[in-house]
Amino acid sequence: MMFFIRKGLLIGLVTFGLVGCSDPEPQVIDMNEVAAEAGLSEDEYVIHENGAIEIKASEEAIQTEDKVSWYQDDLSEPVENVGMLDAEAILASAGLEPDEIEESVDPEGEPKKLYIITDETPLSAWFSHSPNNIALNWYQYSDEPKTTEYSQQSLKDVYKLARAMAGREGADAVMYLSNGGKYRSKPVGGYPATGQCNDGICFIHINIS
């Protein structure tokens, strides 16, 4: 974060204040004095050759503005692409065991299972599967270090699930969405997918019917 004060602007203001409407005389402005009068210490600014004062951002402000670097799968861990039709095969290929399984039906009346994968963290990866639809849900909260850590784990689990379903294409889809992209009926593994992240909650829905 940088703020600049131009010497030319200050010269004009100072000249007008000193001599009013009479012919201006050349004024020499000591920019260090200007900075001091503005309450800046010597380690808080830099004077450039063009006379601009650059106000340095504080370390605290810099840290506040730093963005989280969200996990990206480097594909080094083997995950077999088993397709999208068998939920148990997807979980086995990803090497994940759900902590909870909830059974229900999808909008077409077909049986649906929701697999909740906590990895002993409060923020879980969710994997929903039916003969018609698949959904992956994960988190990307960055309000404090712990929630960021938990979110990163949910993202890692979703990468594994996506790779089990669609290989590199699945990983690319998750990477794109986790970095702010949106899918609107874009093919993933041969099926149309919709997804995005909003306020730290991310999803991808795939229509396999």
Protein backbone atom coordinates (compact mmCIF):
# COMPACT_ATOMS: atom_id res chain seq x y z
CA MET A 1 0.00 0.00 0.00
CA MET A 2 1.64 3.27 -1.09
CA PHE A 3 0.58 6.88 -0.90
CA PHE A 4 2.29 9.66 -2.83
CA ILE A 5 2.53 13.41 -2.13
CA ARG A 6 3.68 15.42 -5.15
CA LYS A 7 6.17 18.24 -4.59
CA GLY A 8 4.67 20.33 -7.36
CA LEU A 9 1.27 20.34 -5.68
CA LEU A 10 2.81 21.32 -2.37
CA ILE A 11 4.84 24.12 -3.97
CA GLY A 12 1.70 25.60 -5.47
CA LEU A 13 -0.15 25.47 -2.18
CA VAL A 14 2.71 26.91 -0.18
CA THR A 15 3.34 29.67 -2.71
CA PHE A 16 -0.29 30.73 -2.73
CA GLY A 17 -0.39 30.79 1.05
CA LEU A 18 2.74 32.91 1.34
CA VAL A 19 2.38 35.51 -1.36
CA GLY A 20 -1.33 35.58 -2.06
CA CYS A 21 -2.21 37.01 -5.45
CA SER A 22 1.12 38.77 -6.10
CA ASP A 23 3.63 37.36 -8.57
CA PRO A 24 4.89 34.09 -7.12
CA GLU A 25 8.55 33.76 -6.28
CA PRO A 26 10.37 30.43 -6.59
CA GLN A 27 9.97 28.45 -3.39
CA VAL A 28 12.30 25.74 -2.16
CA ILE A 29 10.46 23.04 -0.28
CA ASP A 30 12.25 20.74 2.11
CA MET A 31 10.26 17.51 1.67
CA ASN A 32 11.72 16.08 4.86
CA GLU A 33 10.20 18.99 6.74
CA VAL A 34 6.90 18.40 4.96
CA ALA A 35 6.98 14.74 6.01
CA ALA A 36 7.85 15.70 9.59
CA GLU A 37 4.98 18.16 9.74
CA ALA A 38 2.71 15.37 8.51
CA GLY A 39 3.81 13.30 11.50
CA LEU A 40 5.97 10.84 9.59
CA SER A 41 9.16 9.42 11.04
CA GLU A 42 12.19 8.86 8.78
CA ASP A 43 11.57 5.10 8.48
CA GLU A 44 7.97 5.61 7.34
CA TYR A 45 8.62 7.27 3.98
CA VAL A 46 10.96 7.54 0.99
CA ILE A 47 11.53 10.66 -1.17
CA HIS A 48 11.86 9.89 -4.88
CA GLU A 49 13.83 11.93 -7.43
CA ASN A 50 10.63 13.48 -8.79
CA GLY A 51 9.86 14.89 -5.35
CA ALA A 52 7.12 12.40 -4.45
CA ILE A 53 6.91 11.15 -0.89
CA GLU A 54 6.15 7.42 -0.78
CA ILE A 55 4.57 6.41 2.51
CA LYS A 56 5.49 2.83 3.37
CA ALA A 57 2.81 0.40 4.46
CA SER A 58 3.23 -0.94 7.98
CA GLU A 59 4.13 -4.60 8.49
CA GLU A 60 0.69 -5.15 10.00
CA ALA A 61 -1.03 -3.69 6.94
CA ILE A 62 1.08 -5.82 4.63
CA GLN A 63 0.16 -8.98 6.50
CA THR A 64 -3.51 -8.02 6.41
CA GLU A 65 -3.39 -7.63 2.66
CA ASP A 66 -1.57 -10.92 2.05
CA LYS A 67 -3.86 -13.45 0.41
CA VAL A 68 -3.93 -17.12 1.31
CA SER A 69 -2.20 -19.37 -1.19
CA TRP A 70 -4.74 -22.16 -1.51
CA TYR A 71 -3.50 -25.71 -1.90
CA GLN A 72 -2.98 -26.98 -5.44
CA ASP A 73 -2.58 -30.70 -6.06
CA ASP A 74 0.75 -31.45 -7.75
CA LEU A 75 -0.61 -34.86 -8.89
CA SER A 76 2.38 -36.63 -7.32
CA GLU A 77 0.17 -38.84 -5.15
CA PRO A 78 -1.31 -41.70 -7.23
CA VAL A 79 -5.11 -41.56 -7.57
CA GLU A 80 -6.78 -43.90 -10.05
CA ASN A 81 -9.46 -42.42 -12.32
CA VAL A 82 -12.47 -44.72 -11.74
CA GLY A 83 -15.18 -42.56 -13.32
CA MET A 84 -18.28 -41.13 -11.67
CA LEU A 85 -20.83 -43.91 -11.44
CA ASP A 86 -19.64 -45.80 -8.33
CA ALA A 87 -19.38 -43.74 -5.13
CA GLU A 88 -17.63 -46.47 -3.16
CA ALA A 89 -14.99 -46.87 -5.87
CA ILE A 90 -14.44 -43.08 -5.90
CA LEU A 91 -13.87 -43.01 -2.14
CA ALA A 92 -11.56 -46.03 -2.26
CA SER A 93 -9.46 -44.55 -5.06
CA ALA A 94 -9.18 -41.25 -3.19
CA GLY A 95 -8.11 -43.13 -0.06
CA LEU A 96 -10.81 -41.44 2.02
CA GLU A 97 -13.14 -42.92 4.61
CA PRO A 98 -16.29 -40.93 5.43
CA ASP A 99 -16.97 -40.17 9.08
CA GLU A 100 -20.69 -39.94 8.43
CA ILE A 101 -23.06 -41.21 5.75
CA GLU A 102 -26.54 -39.77 5.31
CA GLU A 103 -29.08 -41.45 3.04
CA SER A 104 -31.89 -39.65 1.22
CA VAL A 105 -33.28 -39.27 -2.31
CA ASP A 106 -32.39 -36.85 -5.08
CA PRO A 107 -34.93 -34.57 -6.86
CA GLU A 108 -35.73 -37.39 -9.30
CA GLY A 109 -36.53 -39.78 -6.46
CA GLU A 110 -33.35 -41.84 -6.83
CA PRO A 111 -31.35 -42.91 -3.74
CA LYS A 112 -28.67 -40.44 -2.71
CA LYS A 113 -25.85 -40.71 -0.19
CA LEU A 114 -23.99 -37.84 1.45
CA TYR A 115 -20.47 -38.72 2.62
CA ILE A 116 -18.99 -36.35 5.22
CA ILE A 117 -15.21 -36.48 5.51
CA THR A 118 -14.00 -34.58 8.54
CA ASP A 119 -10.32 -35.65 8.88
CA GLU A 120 -10.81 -34.71 12.55
CA THR A 121 -11.34 -31.06 11.68
CA PRO A 122 -14.47 -28.88 12.14
CA LEU A 123 -14.62 -28.07 8.41
CA SER A 124 -15.47 -31.12 6.32
CA ALA A 125 -15.31 -32.09 2.69
CA TRP A 126 -18.74 -33.27 1.54
CA PHE A 127 -19.33 -35.76 -1.26
CA SER A 128 -22.89 -36.30 -2.44
CA HIS A 129 -23.70 -39.04 -4.97
CA SER A 130 -26.82 -40.33 -6.72
CA PRO A 131 -27.47 -41.91 -10.14
CA ASN A 132 -28.29 -38.42 -11.43
CA ASN A 133 -26.06 -35.94 -9.62
CA ILE A 134 -22.72 -35.58 -7.85
CA ALA A 135 -21.68 -32.71 -5.62
CA LEU A 136 -18.40 -31.84 -3.92
CA ASN A 137 -18.35 -29.17 -1.22
CA TRP A 138 -15.38 -27.67 0.57
CA TYR A 139 -14.34 -24.54 2.50
CA GLN A 140 -11.89 -21.70 1.95
CA TYR A 141 -12.15 -19.60 5.09
CA SER A 142 -9.15 -17.38 5.85
CA ASP A 143 -10.32 -15.29 8.81
CA GLU A 144 -7.81 -16.90 11.17
CA PRO A 145 -4.96 -19.45 10.93
CA LYS A 146 -6.93 -22.42 12.28
CA THR A 147 -9.89 -22.04 9.94
CA THR A 148 -7.46 -21.62 7.04
CA GLU A 149 -5.71 -24.85 8.05
CA TYR A 150 -9.02 -26.73 8.29
CA SER A 151 -10.15 -25.30 4.96
CA GLN A 152 -6.93 -26.39 3.28
CA GLN A 153 -7.58 -29.96 4.43
CA SER A 154 -11.11 -29.97 3.03
CA LEU A 155 -9.70 -28.68 -0.27
CA LYS A 156 -7.07 -31.45 -0.36
CA ASP A 157 -9.75 -34.10 0.15
CA VAL A 158 -11.87 -32.67 -2.67
CA TYR A 159 -8.86 -32.74 -5.01
CA LYS A 160 -8.53 -36.49 -4.37
CA LEU A 161 -12.22 -37.09 -5.01
CA ALA A 162 -12.17 -35.01 -8.18
CA ARG A 163 -9.12 -36.87 -9.48
CA ALA A 164 -10.77 -40.22 -8.72
CA MET A 165 -13.75 -39.13 -10.80
CA ALA A 166 -12.08 -37.30 -13.69
CA GLY A 167 -8.30 -37.46 -13.37
CA ARG A 168 -6.33 -34.34 -14.29
CA GLU A 169 -9.49 -32.70 -15.61
CA GLY A 170 -11.10 -33.05 -12.19
CA ALA A 171 -8.05 -31.55 -10.47
CA ASP A 172 -7.99 -28.66 -12.94
CA ALA A 173 -11.66 -27.94 -12.25
CA VAL A 174 -11.10 -27.74 -8.49
CA MET A 175 -8.00 -25.57 -8.94
CA TYR A 176 -9.90 -23.19 -11.21
CA LEU A 177 -12.82 -22.85 -8.80
CA SER A 178 -10.62 -22.52 -5.71
CA ASN A 179 -8.88 -19.57 -7.37
CA GLY A 180 -12.11 -17.67 -7.99
CA GLY A 181 -13.32 -19.19 -11.26
CA LYS A 182 -16.88 -20.23 -12.08
CA TYR A 183 -18.27 -23.16 -14.03
CA ARG A 184 -21.59 -22.89 -15.86
CA SER A 185 -22.39 -26.24 -17.50
CA LYS A 186 -18.74 -26.80 -18.38
CA PRO A 187 -17.84 -30.46 -19.08
CA VAL A 188 -15.89 -32.36 -16.43
CA GLY A 189 -15.27 -36.01 -17.19
CA GLY A 190 -17.79 -35.77 -20.02
CA TYR A 191 -20.62 -34.39 -17.86
CA PRO A 192 -21.82 -30.78 -17.42
CA ALA A 193 -20.63 -29.17 -14.18
CA THR A 194 -21.55 -26.01 -12.32
CA GLY A 195 -19.49 -24.56 -9.49
CA GLN A 196 -18.00 -21.59 -7.69
CA CYS A 197 -16.79 -20.27 -4.32
CA ASN A 198 -18.77 -17.70 -2.39
CA ASP A 199 -17.88 -16.28 1.05
CA GLY A 200 -15.58 -19.20 1.84
CA ILE A 201 -17.99 -21.95 0.78
CA CYS A 202 -17.17 -23.79 -2.47
CA PHE A 203 -18.97 -26.39 -4.54
CA ILE A 204 -19.05 -28.22 -7.84
CA HIS A 205 -22.22 -29.99 -9.01
CA ILE A 206 -22.04 -32.53 -11.83
CA ASN A 207 -25.07 -33.81 -13.71
CA ILE A 208 -24.44 -37.47 -14.64
CA SER A 209 -27.99 -38.45 -15.65
